[in-house]
C-alpha atoms as a PDB file:
ATOM      1  CA  MET A   1      32.063  52.459  36.364  1.00  0.00           C
ATOM      2  CA  LYS A   2      29.437  50.372  34.574  1.00  0.00           C
ATOM      3  CA  PRO A   3      28.414  46.827  35.532  1.00  0.00           C
ATOM      4  CA  ILE A   4      29.201  43.989  33.132  1.00  0.00           C
ATOM      5  CA  GLN A   5      27.844  40.461  33.035  1.00  0.00           C
ATOM      6  CA  ALA A   6      28.148  37.673  30.461  1.00  0.00           C
ATOM      7  CA  TYR A   7      27.494  33.945  30.398  1.00  0.00           C
ATOM      8  CA  PHE A   8      29.777  31.273  28.931  1.00  0.00           C
ATOM      9  CA  LYS A   9      29.546  27.636  27.848  1.00  0.00           C
ATOM     10  CA  SER A  10      33.025  26.892  29.216  1.00  0.00           C
ATOM     11  CA  GLU A  11      35.308  27.988  32.007  1.00  0.00           C
ATOM     12  CA  ASN A  12      38.100  28.473  29.447  1.00  0.00           C
ATOM     13  CA  ASP A  13      36.097  31.083  27.503  1.00  0.00           C
ATOM     14  CA  ALA A  14      35.101  32.886  30.710  1.00  0.00           C
ATOM     15  CA  GLU A  15      38.669  32.969  32.049  1.00  0.00           C
ATOM     16  CA  ALA A  16      40.054  34.073  28.668  1.00  0.00           C
ATOM     17  CA  ALA A  17      37.562  36.964  28.658  1.00  0.00           C
ATOM     18  CA  ARG A  18      38.509  37.881  32.239  1.00  0.00           C
ATOM     19  CA  THR A  19      42.197  37.906  31.323  1.00  0.00           C
ATOM     20  CA  ALA A  20      41.567  40.047  28.235  1.00  0.00           C
ATOM     21  CA  LEU A  21      39.536  42.532  30.298  1.00  0.00           C
ATOM     22  CA  GLN A  22      42.535  43.120  32.590  1.00  0.00           C
ATOM     23  CA  ARG A  23      44.035  45.532  30.049  1.00  0.00           C
ATOM     24  CA  LEU A  24      41.039  47.836  30.617  1.00  0.00           C
ATOM     25  CA  LYS A  25      40.062  49.863  33.664  1.00  0.00           C
ATOM     26  CA  THR A  26      38.043  47.249  35.557  1.00  0.00           C
ATOM     27  CA  GLU A  27      37.075  46.447  39.121  1.00  0.00           C
ATOM     28  CA  HIS A  28      35.850  43.308  40.842  1.00  0.00           C
ATOM     29  CA  VAL A  29      35.887  41.164  37.678  1.00  0.00           C
ATOM     30  CA  MET A  30      35.341  37.548  38.619  1.00  0.00           C
ATOM     31  CA  VAL A  31      34.222  34.291  37.086  1.00  0.00           C
ATOM     32  CA  ASP A  32      31.779  32.044  38.948  1.00  0.00           C
ATOM     33  CA  SER A  33      30.494  28.601  38.075  1.00  0.00           C
ATOM     34  CA  ILE A  34      26.746  28.170  37.665  1.00  0.00           C
ATOM     35  CA  PRO A  35      25.067  25.512  39.842  1.00  0.00           C
ATOM     36  CA  ASN A  36      24.036  22.363  37.931  1.00  0.00           C
ATOM     37  CA  ASP A  37      20.323  22.981  38.482  1.00  0.00           C
ATOM     38  CA  GLN A  38      20.591  26.419  36.809  1.00  0.00           C
ATOM     39  CA  LYS A  39      22.740  25.626  33.758  1.00  0.00           C
ATOM     40  CA  GLN A  40      19.869  25.750  31.256  1.00  0.00           C
ATOM     41  CA  ALA A  41      18.904  29.211  30.040  1.00  0.00           C
ATOM     42  CA  ARG A  42      17.679  30.993  26.965  1.00  0.00           C
ATOM     43  CA  LEU A  43      20.775  32.700  25.691  1.00  0.00           C
ATOM     44  CA  ILE A  44      21.612  35.031  22.840  1.00  0.00           C
ATOM     45  CA  PRO A  45      25.166  35.578  21.574  1.00  0.00           C
ATOM     46  CA  LEU A  46      26.574  38.981  22.473  1.00  0.00           C
ATOM     47  CA  ASN A  47      27.315  39.516  18.795  1.00  0.00           C
ATOM     48  CA  ASN A  48      23.598  39.197  17.922  1.00  0.00           C
ATOM     49  CA  PRO A  49      22.829  42.162  15.625  1.00  0.00           C
ATOM     50  CA  GLY A  50      19.230  42.307  16.838  1.00  0.00           C
ATOM     51  CA  ALA A  51      20.163  42.936  20.465  1.00  0.00           C
ATOM     52  CA  GLY A  52      19.634  46.382  21.930  1.00  0.00           C
ATOM     53  CA  ALA A  53      22.694  48.624  21.969  1.00  0.00           C
ATOM     54  CA  GLY A  54      24.073  49.496  25.369  1.00  0.00           C
ATOM     55  CA  THR A  55      22.394  46.645  27.206  1.00  0.00           C
ATOM     56  CA  VAL A  56      23.864  43.518  25.637  1.00  0.00           C
ATOM     57  CA  GLY A  57      25.396  41.309  28.288  1.00  0.00           C
ATOM     58  CA  PHE A  58      25.112  43.855  31.045  1.00  0.00           C
ATOM     59  CA  MET A  59      22.226  43.561  33.450  1.00  0.00           C
ATOM     60  CA  GLY A  60      21.533  43.521  37.153  1.00  0.00           C
ATOM     61  CA  ARG A  61      21.440  40.345  39.221  1.00  0.00           C
ATOM     62  CA  ALA A  62      17.654  40.539  39.529  1.00  0.00           C
ATOM     63  CA  GLU A  63      17.386  40.232  35.744  1.00  0.00           C
ATOM     64  CA  ALA A  64      19.789  37.264  35.658  1.00  0.00           C
ATOM     65  CA  GLU A  65      17.089  34.765  36.573  1.00  0.00           C
ATOM     66  CA  MET A  66      17.561  31.474  34.761  1.00  0.00           C
ATOM     67  CA  LEU A  67      14.773  30.918  32.248  1.00  0.00           C
ATOM     68  CA  GLN A  68      13.353  27.533  31.326  1.00  0.00           C
ATOM     69  CA  GLY A  69      11.969  26.656  27.884  1.00  0.00           C
ATOM     70  CA  ASP A  70      12.476  24.774  24.638  1.00  0.00           C
ATOM     71  CA  ASP A  71      15.349  26.901  23.304  1.00  0.00           C
ATOM     72  CA  GLN A  72      17.981  26.163  25.950  1.00  0.00           C
ATOM     73  CA  THR A  73      21.743  26.183  25.913  1.00  0.00           C
ATOM     74  CA  SER A  74      23.953  24.741  28.631  1.00  0.00           C
ATOM     75  CA  ILE A  75      26.005  27.407  30.346  1.00  0.00           C
ATOM     76  CA  THR A  76      28.651  26.760  32.965  1.00  0.00           C
ATOM     77  CA  HIS A  77      30.086  30.124  34.054  1.00  0.00           C
ATOM     78  CA  VAL A  78      29.207  33.768  34.522  1.00  0.00           C
ATOM     79  CA  LEU A  79      31.619  36.713  34.409  1.00  0.00           C
ATOM     80  CA  GLU A  80      30.692  39.800  36.416  1.00  0.00           C
ATOM     81  CA  GLY A  81      32.392  43.024  37.333  1.00  0.00           C
ATOM     82  CA  GLU A  82      32.665  46.698  36.500  1.00  0.00           C
ATOM     83  CA  VAL A  83      34.374  48.530  33.659  1.00  0.00           C
ATOM     84  CA  GLY A  84      35.154  52.207  33.180  1.00  0.00           C
ATOM     85  CA  GLU A  85      32.491  54.034  31.184  1.00  0.00           C
ATOM     86  CA  GLN A  86      35.057  55.074  28.572  1.00  0.00           C
ATOM     87  CA  GLU A  87      36.003  51.427  27.988  1.00  0.00           C
ATOM     88  CA  TYR A  88      32.509  49.923  27.956  1.00  0.00           C
ATOM     89  CA  GLU A  89      32.483  49.388  24.167  1.00  0.00           C
ATOM     90  CA  GLN A  90      35.903  47.691  24.284  1.00  0.00           C
ATOM     91  CA  ALA A  91      34.690  45.423  27.082  1.00  0.00           C
ATOM     92  CA  THR A  92      31.646  44.458  25.026  1.00  0.00           C
ATOM     93  CA  GLU A  93      33.888  43.551  22.086  1.00  0.00           C
ATOM     94  CA  ILE A  94      36.131  41.418  24.314  1.00  0.00           C
ATOM     95  CA  LEU A  95      33.115  39.509  25.643  1.00  0.00           C
ATOM     96  CA  LYS A  96      31.867  38.943  22.088  1.00  0.00           C
ATOM     97  CA  GLN A  97      35.262  37.674  20.957  1.00  0.00           C
ATOM     98  CA  HIS A  98      35.309  35.123  23.780  1.00  0.00           C
ATOM     99  CA  ASN A  99      31.865  33.684  23.010  1.00  0.00           C
ATOM    100  CA  GLY A 100      29.968  35.510  25.736  1.00  0.00           C
ATOM    101  CA  TYR A 101      26.184  35.231  25.957  1.00  0.00           C
ATOM    102  CA  ASP A 102      23.398  37.363  27.351  1.00  0.00           C
ATOM    103  CA  LEU A 103      20.186  35.971  28.802  1.00  0.00           C
ATOM    104  CA  GLU A 104      17.211  36.274  26.478  1.00  0.00           C
ATOM    105  CA  LYS A 105      14.732  38.724  27.966  1.00  0.00           C
END
């Protein structure tokens, strides 16, 4: 199993992604709201062609620190869980299709 994590601007997008992921081999997939004081972050769309392959949207909690700066986007929810290694690419595509974001590093 590989960890997955993506950020969303709406609960609807996050829940739609969670529902779509259910057709894959997943574990512990959940959607959490982000506290109001942490809703500003530098984000990049998961479908950003300049993002590094294999790491887009999937990082550890320690790396999920909210960043402050001029280029900020309001986020409201985070989706986290695990997906089977064989289905990792499909999971990435589902998160892209549902407007998932990754934190800018």
